[in-house]
Protein backbone atom coordinates (compact mmCIF):
# COMPACT_ATOMS: atom_id res chain seq x y z
CA MET A 1 48.36 113.38 -76.26
CA LYS A 2 45.18 111.40 -76.57
CA ASN A 3 43.11 114.58 -76.94
CA LEU A 4 45.53 115.84 -79.59
CA LYS A 5 45.10 112.65 -81.62
CA ILE A 6 41.31 112.97 -81.40
CA LEU A 7 41.48 116.60 -82.58
CA MET A 8 43.79 115.67 -85.48
CA THR A 9 41.51 112.83 -86.54
CA ALA A 10 38.45 115.11 -86.43
CA PHE A 11 40.34 117.72 -88.47
CA ILE A 12 41.29 115.21 -91.18
CA VAL A 13 37.75 113.81 -91.38
CA GLY A 14 36.41 117.35 -91.63
CA LEU A 15 38.72 118.14 -94.53
CA GLY A 16 37.61 114.97 -96.30
CA LEU A 17 33.96 115.87 -95.91
CA LEU A 18 34.60 119.40 -97.14
CA SER A 19 36.45 118.10 -100.20
CA PHE A 20 33.67 115.62 -100.97
CA THR A 21 31.04 118.33 -100.60
CA THR A 22 32.97 120.66 -102.91
CA ILE A 23 33.42 117.98 -105.59
CA ASP A 24 29.78 116.95 -105.35
CA HIS A 25 28.69 120.60 -105.56
CA ASP A 26 30.84 121.11 -108.67
CA LYS A 27 29.32 118.03 -110.28
CA ASN A 28 25.83 119.28 -109.56
CA LYS A 29 26.76 122.73 -110.84
CA ASN A 30 28.10 121.27 -114.10
CA ARG A 31 25.06 119.06 -114.45
CA LYS A 32 22.79 122.06 -113.96
CA GLU A 33 24.75 124.09 -116.52
CA ASN A 34 24.39 121.27 -119.06
CA ILE A 35 20.66 121.07 -118.50
CA THR A 36 20.12 124.82 -118.82
CA VAL A 37 22.14 125.33 -122.02
CA LYS A 38 20.05 127.70 -124.11
CA GLY A 39 21.21 126.83 -127.60
CA TYR A 40 20.49 128.81 -130.74
CA GLU A 41 17.54 131.05 -131.44
CA VAL A 42 16.26 131.98 -134.89
CA GLY A 43 18.59 134.62 -136.31
CA ASP A 44 21.69 133.34 -134.49
CA GLU A 45 24.84 132.30 -136.28
CA ALA A 46 25.44 128.55 -136.05
CA ALA A 47 29.08 127.64 -135.50
CA ASP A 48 30.69 125.10 -137.80
CA PHE A 49 31.74 121.69 -136.51
CA LYS A 50 33.89 118.73 -137.50
CA LEU A 51 32.31 115.34 -136.81
CA LYS A 52 32.96 111.79 -137.97
CA ASN A 53 30.75 110.43 -140.71
CA ILE A 54 29.74 106.78 -141.14
CA ASP A 55 32.44 106.46 -143.83
CA GLY A 56 35.11 107.39 -141.28
CA LYS A 57 35.76 110.83 -142.77
CA MET A 58 35.46 114.07 -140.81
CA VAL A 59 32.73 116.37 -142.09
CA SER A 60 32.18 120.11 -141.60
CA LEU A 61 29.57 122.49 -142.98
CA SER A 62 32.42 124.38 -144.65
CA ASP A 63 33.06 121.31 -146.82
CA PHE A 64 29.87 122.09 -148.78
CA LYS A 65 31.18 125.00 -150.83
CA SER A 66 28.18 125.30 -153.14
CA ALA A 67 25.52 124.90 -150.44
CA LYS A 68 23.14 127.79 -149.84
CA GLY A 69 22.21 126.40 -146.45
CA PHE A 70 21.57 123.19 -144.56
CA ILE A 71 18.86 121.04 -143.03
CA VAL A 72 20.58 119.88 -139.84
CA VAL A 73 18.71 116.99 -138.23
CA PHE A 74 19.63 115.57 -134.83
CA THR A 75 18.44 111.98 -135.01
CA CYS A 76 19.40 108.43 -134.04
CA ASN A 77 18.81 104.74 -134.65
CA HIS A 78 16.69 103.55 -131.76
CA CYS A 79 14.03 106.21 -131.25
CA PRO A 80 10.58 105.27 -132.64
CA TYR A 81 9.97 108.89 -133.63
CA ALA A 82 13.27 109.09 -135.48
CA LYS A 83 12.47 105.85 -137.30
CA LYS A 84 9.07 107.20 -138.34
CA TYR A 85 10.79 110.19 -139.91
CA GLU A 86 13.70 108.43 -141.67
CA ASP A 87 12.02 108.18 -145.06
CA ARG A 88 10.87 111.78 -144.85
CA VAL A 89 14.39 112.96 -144.02
CA ILE A 90 15.67 111.03 -147.05
CA GLU A 91 13.03 112.75 -149.18
CA LEU A 92 14.03 116.16 -147.85
CA ASP A 93 17.62 115.51 -148.88
CA LYS A 94 16.67 114.22 -152.32
CA LYS A 95 14.42 117.21 -152.93
CA TYR A 96 16.59 120.01 -151.59
CA LYS A 97 20.21 118.89 -151.95
CA ALA A 98 20.23 119.80 -155.65
CA GLN A 99 18.73 123.18 -154.73
CA GLY A 100 21.54 123.94 -152.29
CA TYR A 101 20.07 122.70 -149.00
CA PRO A 102 21.47 119.25 -148.16
CA VAL A 103 20.53 117.27 -145.06
CA ILE A 104 23.22 116.84 -142.41
CA ALA A 105 22.16 114.21 -139.86
CA ILE A 106 23.83 114.06 -136.44
CA ASN A 107 23.48 111.34 -133.82
CA PRO A 108 23.87 113.03 -130.41
CA ASN A 109 23.29 109.99 -128.19
CA ASP A 110 25.81 108.27 -125.92
CA PRO A 111 26.01 104.59 -126.99
CA ASN A 112 26.86 103.57 -123.44
CA VAL A 113 23.40 104.74 -122.46
CA GLN A 114 21.68 103.48 -125.62
CA PRO A 115 23.72 100.73 -127.36
CA GLU A 116 21.52 100.81 -130.47
CA ASP A 117 23.01 104.21 -131.24
CA GLY A 118 26.59 103.01 -131.46
CA TYR A 119 28.82 103.92 -134.41
CA GLN A 120 28.70 100.47 -136.03
CA GLN A 121 24.93 100.43 -135.64
CA MET A 122 24.81 103.82 -137.38
CA ILE A 123 26.72 102.40 -140.33
CA GLU A 124 24.36 99.45 -140.56
CA ARG A 125 21.23 101.60 -140.25
CA ALA A 126 22.37 104.03 -142.93
CA LYS A 127 23.09 101.15 -145.31
CA GLN A 128 19.78 99.47 -144.56
CA LYS A 129 17.76 102.64 -145.15
CA GLY A 130 19.87 103.97 -148.00
CA PHE A 131 20.76 107.30 -146.44
CA THR A 132 21.74 109.83 -149.09
CA PHE A 133 23.27 112.28 -146.61
CA PRO A 134 26.10 112.38 -144.05
CA TYR A 135 25.23 110.65 -140.77
CA LEU A 136 27.61 112.11 -138.20
CA VAL A 137 28.31 111.15 -134.60
CA ASP A 138 28.55 113.79 -131.88
CA GLU A 139 30.98 111.63 -129.87
CA ARG A 140 31.86 114.25 -127.26
CA GLN A 141 28.29 115.53 -127.08
CA ARG A 142 29.41 119.10 -127.63
CA ILE A 143 27.44 120.04 -130.73
CA TYR A 144 23.86 119.26 -129.74
CA PRO A 145 24.03 121.57 -126.67
CA GLN A 146 25.38 124.37 -128.86
CA TYR A 147 22.33 124.03 -131.07
CA GLY A 148 19.97 123.49 -128.17
CA ALA A 149 18.69 120.18 -129.52
CA THR A 150 16.67 118.24 -126.97
CA LYS A 151 14.93 115.55 -129.02
CA THR A 152 15.50 113.06 -131.79
CA PRO A 153 14.52 114.22 -134.31
CA HIS A 154 15.16 117.95 -133.89
CA VAL A 155 15.61 120.12 -137.00
CA PHE A 156 17.61 123.31 -137.57
CA VAL A 157 17.35 124.95 -141.01
CA LEU A 158 20.34 127.18 -141.74
CA LYS A 159 20.95 129.71 -144.51
CA LYS A 160 24.33 130.99 -145.64
CA GLU A 161 24.48 134.76 -145.32
CA ASN A 162 27.75 136.62 -145.84
CA GLY A 163 29.75 133.51 -145.07
CA LYS A 164 27.77 132.72 -141.91
CA ASN A 165 25.24 129.96 -141.24
CA ILE A 166 22.18 131.73 -139.87
CA VAL A 167 19.43 129.78 -138.11
CA LYS A 168 16.09 130.28 -139.88
CA TYR A 169 13.93 127.50 -138.45
CA ILE A 170 14.00 125.28 -135.34
CA GLY A 171 11.70 122.42 -134.41
CA ALA A 172 9.77 119.51 -135.85
CA ILE A 173 9.84 118.22 -139.42
CA ASP A 174 6.06 118.36 -139.74
CA ASN A 175 2.93 118.05 -137.61
CA ASN A 176 2.31 114.29 -137.77
CA TYR A 177 5.13 111.94 -136.82
CA ASP A 178 2.93 108.86 -136.95
CA ASN A 179 1.55 109.01 -140.49
CA PRO A 180 3.05 111.01 -143.36
CA ASN A 181 -0.28 110.79 -145.20
CA ASP A 182 -1.96 112.80 -142.43
CA VAL A 183 0.54 115.68 -142.39
CA SER A 184 -1.07 119.09 -142.87
CA GLU A 185 1.86 121.34 -141.88
CA TYR A 186 5.27 120.78 -143.49
CA TYR A 187 7.39 122.97 -141.23
CA ALA A 188 10.91 122.14 -142.44
CA GLN A 189 9.89 121.91 -146.08
CA ASP A 190 8.00 125.21 -145.98
CA ALA A 191 10.99 126.90 -144.35
CA VAL A 192 13.38 125.76 -147.07
CA ASP A 193 10.90 126.61 -149.83
CA ALA A 194 10.61 130.15 -148.48
CA LEU A 195 14.40 130.56 -148.31
CA ILE A 196 14.83 129.32 -151.88
CA LYS A 197 12.23 131.85 -153.04
CA GLY A 198 13.92 134.62 -151.07
CA GLU A 199 10.90 134.99 -148.82
CA PRO A 200 10.77 135.17 -145.00
CA VAL A 201 10.02 131.95 -143.14
CA LYS A 202 6.48 132.23 -141.73
CA MET A 203 6.74 129.52 -139.07
CA THR A 204 10.20 129.91 -137.57
CA LYS A 205 9.87 127.71 -134.48
CA THR A 206 7.82 124.68 -133.44
CA VAL A 207 8.04 122.11 -130.67
CA ALA A 208 10.23 119.13 -131.57
CA ILE A 209 8.50 115.81 -130.90
CA GLY A 210 10.70 112.80 -130.22
CA CYS A 211 12.89 110.94 -127.75
CA THR A 212 15.09 112.73 -125.23
CA ILE A 213 18.80 112.85 -126.06
CA LYS A 214 20.75 110.21 -124.17
CA VAL A 215 23.45 112.06 -122.21
CA LYS A 216 26.62 110.44 -120.93
CA LYS A 217 26.24 109.52 -117.25
């Protein structure tokens, strides 16, 4: 009887360890899948989304009926790089919104990891800076992996073609985050200018420079 009890105890402990190992393996597998999400390449169709704006309304790309395309910018409140680019993002929207390419800003960060990127803080930051564009929150962190965004800021220029939003440029806004007066390559601006003229985009992809996206733990 004593030996039977010992065997039963060992069996139960073994099952527990196996269950724990399986759960832990699944977590690691999911974590790995999240890290290795490829995202969009130039020429891919970007799926639409529905995200909450700072005014509380839900916003989708399909809401912009007259738009010819979009300048989608993944950005946030706290990142020094994102802050350096705020005025330039505002200028992009002011310049290109009337020409059919509005800015759509998306905050991909988890506020539990970075409290400065909370929804209320987004509202306050947009008011302080005078944002002229939607500032959306990717609450479930499902949109930025679809796009393949890894930094704040990270830009995706889209063009409407036959009812689809086709990715035409991915990367940085320009080649000098620190000082707008020292910029010599205007990547996002040049991409939109080419699309407006009906010309191919010469520089279709650059390396985004900024802070890593804060993923829910």
